[in-house]
Protein backbone atom coordinates (compact mmCIF):
# COMPACT_ATOMS: atom_id res chain seq x y z
CA UNK A 1 -17.42 7.54 -8.10
CA UNK A 2 -18.48 9.99 -5.85
CA UNK A 3 -15.68 9.03 -3.42
CA UNK A 4 -12.96 9.71 -5.71
CA UNK A 5 -14.64 13.22 -6.30
CA UNK A 6 -13.90 14.38 -2.86
CA UNK A 7 -10.36 13.65 -3.42
CA UNK A 8 -9.53 14.89 -6.71
CA UNK A 9 -8.92 18.53 -5.24
CA UNK A 10 -6.76 17.28 -2.97
CA UNK A 11 -3.94 15.28 -4.83
CA UNK A 12 -2.06 18.09 -6.00
CA UNK A 13 -2.99 20.18 -2.72
CA UNK A 14 -0.19 23.11 -1.69
CA UNK A 15 -1.16 21.98 1.56
CA UNK A 16 1.36 19.11 2.27
CA UNK A 17 -0.25 17.41 4.83
CA UNK A 18 -3.98 17.13 3.68
CA UNK A 19 -2.49 15.71 0.18
CA UNK A 20 -0.27 13.26 2.17
CA UNK A 21 -3.88 12.52 3.44
CA UNK A 22 -5.85 12.07 0.70
CA UNK A 23 -2.77 10.05 -1.31
CA UNK A 24 -2.63 7.19 1.96
CA UNK A 25 -6.85 7.24 1.34
CA UNK A 26 -6.05 6.21 -2.61
CA UNK A 27 -3.53 3.49 -1.52
CA UNK A 28 -6.59 2.00 0.05
CA UNK A 29 -7.99 1.60 -3.32
CA UNK A 30 -5.21 1.62 -6.20
CA UNK A 31 -7.13 0.22 -8.58
CA UNK A 32 -10.05 2.70 -8.62
CA UNK A 33 -7.15 5.64 -9.65
CA UNK A 34 -7.17 6.81 -12.89
CA UNK A 35 -3.99 6.93 -14.52
CA UNK A 36 -4.05 10.13 -15.08
CA UNK A 37 -4.09 10.96 -11.52
CA UNK A 38 -0.91 9.21 -10.76
CA UNK A 39 0.75 11.40 -13.94
CA UNK A 40 -0.63 14.14 -11.81
CA UNK A 41 0.80 13.56 -8.52
CA UNK A 42 3.73 12.88 -10.43
CA UNK A 43 4.27 15.84 -11.82
CA UNK A 44 3.31 17.76 -8.82
CA UNK A 45 5.55 15.70 -6.20
CA UNK A 46 8.77 16.67 -8.70
CA UNK A 47 8.04 19.92 -8.57
CA UNK A 48 8.50 20.16 -5.07
CA UNK A 49 11.49 18.68 -3.29
CA UNK A 50 9.18 18.80 0.06
CA UNK A 51 6.77 16.30 -1.61
CA UNK A 52 8.92 13.51 -2.94
CA UNK A 53 8.26 11.15 0.12
CA UNK A 54 4.72 11.10 -1.90
CA UNK A 55 6.71 8.05 -3.91
CA UNK A 56 6.06 5.93 -1.32
CA UNK A 57 2.57 5.82 -1.39
CA UNK A 58 2.39 5.31 -4.89
CA UNK A 59 3.43 1.65 -4.86
CA UNK A 60 0.51 0.15 -6.44
CA UNK A 61 -1.09 2.88 -8.40
CA UNK A 62 -1.32 2.58 -12.18
CA UNK A 63 1.55 3.47 -14.13
CA UNK A 64 1.59 4.55 -17.99
CA UNK A 65 4.51 5.58 -20.05
CA UNK A 66 4.13 9.50 -19.40
CA UNK A 67 4.21 8.29 -15.75
CA UNK A 68 7.47 6.14 -16.22
CA UNK A 69 9.21 8.62 -18.10
CA UNK A 70 8.62 11.62 -15.45
CA UNK A 71 10.39 9.14 -13.18
CA UNK A 72 12.91 8.48 -15.05
CA UNK A 73 13.82 12.22 -15.56
CA UNK A 74 13.16 13.22 -11.83
CA UNK A 75 15.38 10.33 -10.78
CA UNK A 76 18.25 12.23 -12.14
CA UNK A 77 17.60 15.18 -9.81
CA UNK A 78 16.35 13.23 -6.71
CA UNK A 79 17.33 13.43 -3.36
CA UNK A 80 19.25 10.85 -2.58
CA UNK A 81 17.65 10.13 0.33
CA UNK A 82 14.48 9.32 -1.38
CA UNK A 83 15.95 7.92 -4.69
CA UNK A 84 15.12 4.10 -3.21
CA UNK A 85 11.41 5.62 -3.35
CA UNK A 86 11.71 6.08 -7.59
CA UNK A 87 13.81 2.78 -8.02
CA UNK A 88 10.80 1.37 -6.43
CA UNK A 89 8.19 2.47 -8.68
CA UNK A 90 10.28 1.86 -11.49
CA UNK A 91 10.98 -1.58 -10.44
CA UNK A 92 7.34 -2.18 -10.92
CA UNK A 93 6.84 -0.97 -13.94
CA UNK A 94 5.44 -3.30 -16.80
CA UNK A 95 8.50 -5.09 -18.53
CA UNK A 96 6.99 -3.71 -22.09
CA UNK A 97 8.03 -0.16 -20.20
CA UNK A 98 11.22 -1.19 -18.74
CA UNK A 99 12.45 -2.61 -22.55
CA UNK A 100 11.04 1.12 -23.94
CA UNK A 101 13.41 2.88 -21.23
CA UNK A 102 16.07 0.02 -20.98
CA UNK A 103 18.95 2.68 -21.99
CA UNK A 104 18.11 4.98 -19.10
CA UNK A 105 16.75 2.24 -16.87
CA UNK A 106 20.43 0.19 -17.05
CA UNK A 107 22.17 2.18 -14.81
CA UNK A 108 19.90 2.05 -11.98
CA UNK A 109 18.67 -2.14 -12.35
CA UNK A 110 21.18 -4.75 -11.90
CA UNK A 111 22.10 -6.89 -14.84
CA UNK A 112 20.24 -10.19 -13.32
CA UNK A 113 16.99 -7.69 -13.12
CA UNK A 114 17.49 -6.32 -16.49
CA UNK A 115 18.24 -9.77 -18.01
CA UNK A 116 14.59 -10.79 -16.34
CA UNK A 117 12.80 -8.20 -18.14
CA UNK A 118 14.66 -8.88 -21.94
CA UNK A 119 13.65 -12.66 -20.86
CA UNK A 120 10.09 -11.68 -20.80
CA UNK A 121 9.91 -10.05 -24.05
CA UNK A 122 10.12 -12.86 -26.00
CA UNK A 123 9.48 -15.90 -23.85
CA UNK A 124 6.67 -18.27 -24.54
CA UNK A 125 3.37 -19.69 -22.34
CA UNK A 126 5.49 -22.29 -21.22
CA UNK A 127 8.93 -20.42 -20.64
CA UNK A 128 7.05 -18.10 -18.64
CA UNK A 129 5.71 -20.37 -16.58
CA UNK A 130 8.36 -22.57 -15.98
CA UNK A 131 10.18 -19.52 -14.83
CA UNK A 132 7.96 -18.79 -12.46
CA UNK A 133 8.15 -22.17 -10.99
CA UNK A 134 11.94 -21.68 -10.80
CA UNK A 135 11.29 -18.51 -8.69
CA UNK A 136 8.63 -20.06 -6.53
CA UNK A 137 11.27 -22.48 -5.44
CA UNK A 138 14.31 -20.13 -4.89
CA UNK A 139 12.35 -18.50 -2.85
CA UNK A 140 11.43 -21.45 -0.75
CA UNK A 141 15.12 -22.51 -0.49
CA UNK A 142 16.22 -18.75 0.72
CA UNK A 143 16.45 -18.09 4.74
CA UNK A 144 15.01 -14.92 4.52
CA UNK A 145 12.70 -12.98 2.21
CA UNK A 146 13.73 -11.95 -0.92
CA UNK A 147 12.20 -8.88 -2.33
CA UNK A 148 13.67 -8.80 -5.57
CA UNK A 149 12.49 -12.28 -6.07
CA UNK A 150 9.53 -11.84 -4.97
CA UNK A 151 8.75 -9.01 -7.17
CA UNK A 152 10.06 -11.00 -9.93
CA UNK A 153 7.18 -13.37 -8.85
CA UNK A 154 4.59 -11.11 -9.14
CA UNK A 155 5.37 -9.49 -12.58
CA UNK A 156 5.22 -13.21 -13.69
CA UNK A 157 1.93 -13.72 -11.80
CA UNK A 158 0.35 -10.97 -13.37
CA UNK A 159 1.89 -12.18 -16.89
CA UNK A 160 -0.33 -15.42 -15.96
CA UNK A 161 -3.28 -14.06 -15.30
CA UNK A 162 -3.58 -11.33 -18.50
CA UNK A 163 -2.87 -13.93 -20.62
CA UNK A 164 -5.21 -16.27 -19.18
CA UNK A 165 -2.69 -19.10 -18.60
CA UNK A 166 -3.89 -20.05 -15.20
CA UNK A 167 -7.84 -21.23 -15.20
CA UNK A 168 -10.28 -20.24 -11.77
CA UNK A 169 -10.87 -23.82 -11.29
CA UNK A 170 -6.90 -24.58 -10.73
CA UNK A 171 -6.56 -21.21 -8.48
CA UNK A 172 -9.63 -23.07 -6.27
CA UNK A 173 -7.39 -26.54 -6.19
CA UNK A 174 -4.51 -24.37 -5.15
CA UNK A 175 -6.20 -22.50 -2.59
CA UNK A 176 -7.77 -25.48 -1.04
CA UNK A 177 -4.43 -27.36 -0.67
CA UNK A 178 -3.10 -24.42 1.04
CA UNK A 179 -6.04 -24.07 3.06
CA UNK A 180 -5.32 -27.79 4.51
CA UNK A 181 -1.81 -26.73 5.77
CA UNK A 182 -0.47 -24.66 8.63
CA UNK A 183 1.18 -22.17 6.56
CA UNK A 184 0.78 -20.79 2.97
CA UNK A 185 3.90 -21.08 1.02
CA UNK A 186 5.12 -18.52 -1.98
CA UNK A 187 2.67 -20.28 -4.21
CA UNK A 188 -0.11 -19.73 -1.93
CA UNK A 189 0.10 -16.48 -1.24
CA UNK A 190 0.87 -15.34 -4.83
CA UNK A 191 -2.43 -17.33 -5.45
CA UNK A 192 -4.23 -14.79 -3.41
CA UNK A 193 -2.88 -11.90 -5.58
CA UNK A 194 -4.19 -13.88 -8.48
CA UNK A 195 -7.64 -14.19 -6.85
CA UNK A 196 -7.42 -10.31 -6.34
CA UNK A 197 -6.37 -9.66 -10.28
CA UNK A 198 -9.03 -11.67 -11.64
CA UNK A 199 -11.54 -10.55 -9.58
CA UNK A 200 -12.83 -13.83 -8.15
CA UNK A 201 -15.16 -12.81 -5.27
CA UNK A 202 -16.35 -16.39 -5.03
CA UNK A 203 -13.41 -17.21 -2.64
CA UNK A 204 -14.16 -13.87 -0.42
CA UNK A 205 -15.39 -16.37 2.63
CA UNK A 206 -12.10 -18.67 2.33
CA UNK A 207 -9.78 -15.44 2.62
CA UNK A 208 -11.08 -13.31 5.14
CA UNK A 209 -10.38 -16.29 7.91
CA UNK A 210 -6.91 -16.12 6.72
CA UNK A 211 -6.72 -12.32 8.71
CA UNK A 212 -6.15 -14.54 11.42
CA UNK A 213 -2.69 -16.10 10.37
CA UNK A 214 0.40 -14.93 11.48
CA UNK A 215 1.95 -14.41 8.30
CA UNK A 216 3.18 -11.08 7.20
CA UNK A 217 3.26 -11.20 3.59
CA UNK A 218 0.43 -13.45 3.54
CA UNK A 219 -1.86 -10.86 5.72
CA UNK A 220 -0.55 -8.01 3.24
CA UNK A 221 -1.67 -9.76 0.10
CA UNK A 222 -4.93 -11.02 1.98
CA UNK A 223 -5.84 -7.44 2.85
CA UNK A 224 -4.84 -5.83 -0.76
CA UNK A 225 -7.00 -8.58 -2.64
CA UNK A 226 -9.91 -8.40 -0.10
CA UNK A 227 -9.57 -4.61 -0.52
CA UNK A 228 -9.70 -4.46 -4.11
CA UNK A 229 -13.10 -6.12 -4.31
CA UNK A 230 -14.70 -2.85 -2.65
CA UNK A 231 -17.61 -5.27 -1.81
CA UNK A 232 -20.44 -5.36 1.24
CA UNK A 233 -19.63 -9.08 0.99
CA UNK A 234 -15.89 -8.10 2.17
CA UNK A 235 -17.53 -5.80 4.63
CA UNK A 236 -19.69 -8.60 6.49
CA UNK A 237 -17.13 -10.98 6.06
CA UNK A 238 -14.31 -9.34 8.01
CA UNK A 239 -16.79 -7.68 10.42
CA UNK A 240 -16.58 -10.67 13.28
CA UNK A 241 -12.75 -10.40 12.72
CA UNK A 242 -12.47 -6.94 13.72
CA UNK A 243 -13.27 -7.77 17.31
CA UNK A 244 -10.78 -10.58 17.59
CA UNK A 245 -7.53 -9.76 18.83
CA UNK A 246 -5.40 -11.70 16.45
CA UNK A 247 -7.15 -10.33 13.31
CA UNK A 248 -8.21 -6.90 14.42
CA UNK A 249 -5.53 -5.19 12.85
CA UNK A 250 -5.56 -6.68 9.34
CA UNK A 251 -9.32 -6.98 9.44
CA UNK A 252 -9.92 -3.33 10.28
CA UNK A 253 -7.44 -1.85 7.56
CA UNK A 254 -9.94 -4.22 5.08
CA UNK A 255 -12.96 -2.79 6.52
CA UNK A 256 -11.59 0.69 6.34
CA UNK A 257 -10.29 0.78 3.16
CA UNK A 258 -13.53 -0.72 1.81
CA UNK A 259 -15.25 2.22 0.88
CA UNK A 260 -19.28 1.88 1.16
CA UNK A 261 -22.05 3.11 3.33
CA UNK A 262 -21.91 -0.62 4.91
CA UNK A 263 -18.33 -0.33 5.82
CA UNK A 264 -19.39 3.22 7.73
CA UNK A 265 -22.19 1.54 9.52
CA UNK A 266 -19.98 -1.59 10.43
CA UNK A 267 -17.32 1.20 11.55
CA UNK A 268 -19.78 2.93 13.82
CA UNK A 269 -21.43 -0.38 15.52
CA UNK A 270 -17.37 -1.13 16.19
CA UNK A 271 -16.79 2.19 17.58
CA UNK A 272 -19.36 1.74 20.39
CA UNK A 273 -18.43 -2.04 21.21
CA UNK A 274 -14.79 -2.27 20.96
CA UNK A 275 -12.98 -1.27 23.96
CA UNK A 276 -9.07 -2.28 22.92
CA UNK A 277 -7.52 1.02 22.87
CA UNK A 278 -5.27 0.30 19.72
CA UNK A 279 -8.25 -1.26 17.84
CA UNK A 280 -10.43 2.21 18.64
CA UNK A 281 -7.52 4.15 17.32
CA UNK A 282 -7.90 2.09 13.90
CA UNK A 283 -11.50 2.29 14.04
CA UNK A 284 -11.31 6.02 14.39
CA UNK A 285 -8.64 5.99 11.45
CA UNK A 286 -11.01 3.89 9.06
CA UNK A 287 -13.97 6.60 9.98
CA UNK A 288 -11.89 9.27 8.96
CA UNK A 289 -10.52 7.59 6.13
CA UNK A 290 -14.31 7.06 4.53
CA UNK A 291 -15.13 10.45 4.15
CA UNK A 292 -18.48 10.14 5.51
CA UNK A 293 -20.90 12.53 7.62
CA UNK A 294 -22.38 9.73 9.13
CA UNK A 295 -18.83 8.92 10.90
CA UNK A 296 -18.82 12.40 12.21
CA UNK A 297 -20.74 11.92 15.76
CA UNK A 298 -17.87 8.92 16.72
CA UNK A 299 -15.35 11.07 15.26
CA UNK A 300 -16.24 14.19 17.64
CA UNK A 301 -16.21 11.24 20.39
CA UNK A 302 -13.30 10.09 20.11
CA UNK A 303 -11.41 13.60 19.74
CA UNK A 304 -13.41 14.87 22.89
CA UNK A 305 -11.18 11.88 24.42
CA UNK A 306 -7.80 13.55 23.70
CA UNK A 307 -6.16 10.25 24.00
CA UNK A 308 -2.49 9.59 22.90
CA UNK A 309 -2.19 6.75 20.26
CA UNK A 310 0.76 4.89 19.37
CA UNK A 311 -0.45 3.25 16.32
CA UNK A 312 -1.95 6.21 14.26
CA UNK A 313 -1.33 9.50 13.53
CA UNK A 314 -4.24 11.22 15.28
CA UNK A 315 -3.69 15.00 14.28
CA UNK A 316 -2.82 14.32 10.97
CA UNK A 317 -5.93 12.21 10.60
CA UNK A 318 -8.38 14.59 12.05
CA UNK A 319 -7.16 17.58 10.14
CA UNK A 320 -7.32 15.77 6.48
CA UNK A 321 -10.89 14.53 7.51
CA UNK A 322 -12.06 17.98 8.45
CA UNK A 323 -10.30 19.67 5.77
CA UNK A 324 -11.64 17.61 2.88
CA UNK A 325 -15.02 17.23 4.24
CA UNK A 326 -14.86 21.05 4.65
CA UNK A 327 -15.74 21.04 8.43
CA UNK A 328 -14.81 23.73 11.13
CA UNK A 329 -13.06 22.18 13.94
CA UNK A 330 -11.46 24.64 16.92
CA UNK A 331 -8.47 22.46 16.70
CA UNK A 332 -7.65 22.40 13.16
CA UNK A 333 -4.67 25.52 13.34
CA UNK A 334 -3.33 23.80 16.27
CA UNK A 335 -3.23 20.24 14.77
CA UNK A 336 -1.48 21.73 11.55
CA UNK A 337 1.17 23.58 13.57
CA UNK A 338 1.72 20.04 15.29
CA UNK A 339 2.07 18.26 12.09
CA UNK A 340 4.52 21.03 10.91
CA UNK A 341 6.54 20.48 14.06
CA UNK A 342 6.28 16.44 13.74
CA UNK A 343 7.43 16.87 10.45
CA UNK A 344 10.40 19.10 11.12
CA UNK A 345 11.36 16.74 13.76
CA UNK A 346 11.23 13.86 11.36
CA UNK A 347 13.40 15.23 8.61
CA UNK A 348 16.23 16.07 11.11
CA UNK A 349 16.26 12.27 12.44
CA UNK A 350 16.24 11.01 8.26
CA UNK A 351 18.92 14.13 7.76
CA UNK A 352 20.64 12.12 10.44
CA UNK A 353 20.07 8.68 9.57
CA UNK A 354 20.39 8.54 5.99
CA UNK A 355 23.75 10.68 4.68
CA UNK A 356 23.69 12.49 1.73
CA UNK A 357 26.77 11.13 0.33
CA UNK A 358 25.27 7.22 0.30
CA UNK A 359 24.23 6.46 -2.80
CA UNK A 360 22.83 3.09 -2.49
CA UNK A 361 18.87 2.86 -3.68
CA UNK A 362 17.62 1.12 -0.39
CA UNK A 363 18.99 1.66 2.79
CA UNK A 364 18.41 -0.36 5.98
CA UNK A 365 18.99 0.93 9.05
CA UNK A 366 19.26 -1.96 12.12
CA UNK A 367 18.13 0.17 14.65
CA UNK A 368 14.80 0.29 13.07
CA UNK A 369 12.44 -2.24 13.84
CA UNK A 370 10.05 -3.80 10.82
CA UNK A 371 7.15 -2.28 12.54
CA UNK A 372 8.44 1.04 13.32
CA UNK A 373 7.61 4.07 11.24
CA UNK A 374 10.26 4.46 8.17
CA UNK A 375 12.61 7.12 9.05
CA UNK A 376 12.41 8.25 5.21
CA UNK A 377 9.07 10.29 6.62
CA UNK A 378 6.50 8.35 4.12
CA UNK A 379 4.33 7.42 7.08
CA UNK A 380 4.33 4.14 6.50
CA UNK A 381 5.75 1.03 8.58
CA UNK A 382 9.67 0.07 7.88
CA UNK A 383 9.04 -3.62 6.67
CA UNK A 384 6.62 -1.66 4.00
CA UNK A 385 8.96 0.88 2.88
CA UNK A 386 12.40 0.90 3.23
CA UNK A 387 12.56 -2.14 4.83
CA UNK A 388 11.38 -4.08 1.67
């Protein structure tokens, strides 16, 4: 894929900001990332302590045994500030890999978590489906979102799909039932996840309108599934939603994350149609992440306005685009300096919030809002990073 070829030289770049930009783009298309790339990125990030925050972008990247082994070795020497990033990745490993490295992992996983993975090793179809139903019920009875239970449910959903224990007909039945309800329950949300795993493109027209809903977890799963298709049908389906205030943020995320010429064309059209400042910021970001010369006129027009954005990092986005596309710009050096200044400030803030003596892998700071930038420096929102 030509798009991946543009990114490959930068996935282990010595220019940390350029590498971060490349990895954020790859996080839009994790199913297209070769396993070997994940290994290379992990090795590179372990070789330079300034790059440990890269692990925050690898959430959905493919992990093989070599990648798992590297993380397990790396966590022993990790900066305590970033240990939770290692653990997030390790807790998403396939249960077979967890069992392979159980001796090393049991010091980092709770007894409940290790028991969960152990049970998966010898469970039958009936037992897996039964446990899945139990976890769904537990989550519905919880007053708050339980990330551990949700992670386990996704593990089980993946196994159910992998083993063919759910049919397309049953998926359709469950989805249609959920669409009649004002809110999706956890089973419905995970049906959306399964649709992505099963590559069921026929449901694109039914899922796209869900981007108008006001349910964080559902929106994230819908966006992830739609981006996984990398389809012009998705582009056509979400394009009208990009113009609506109630759906523009996630719809533009899907459009920018779909790497096709039609997506570039639609983003260019939106650039000239949209007047909302925040939406226009997201269109600019989407065009930059498409890595297409066709978007250059709009990108340059946006930069000439010298607008200040509260939703994207303009300098980091522009710097990454121009560097990867090997284009000249008079502000390249000043952008790089600004990015470094921001990183230095962010590092000092992290050191003030997270004390090195803190051993807990996940630190939640009540003064950080769910939609605020995560203080760990990953570049993600708090709710998608340390706040998970």
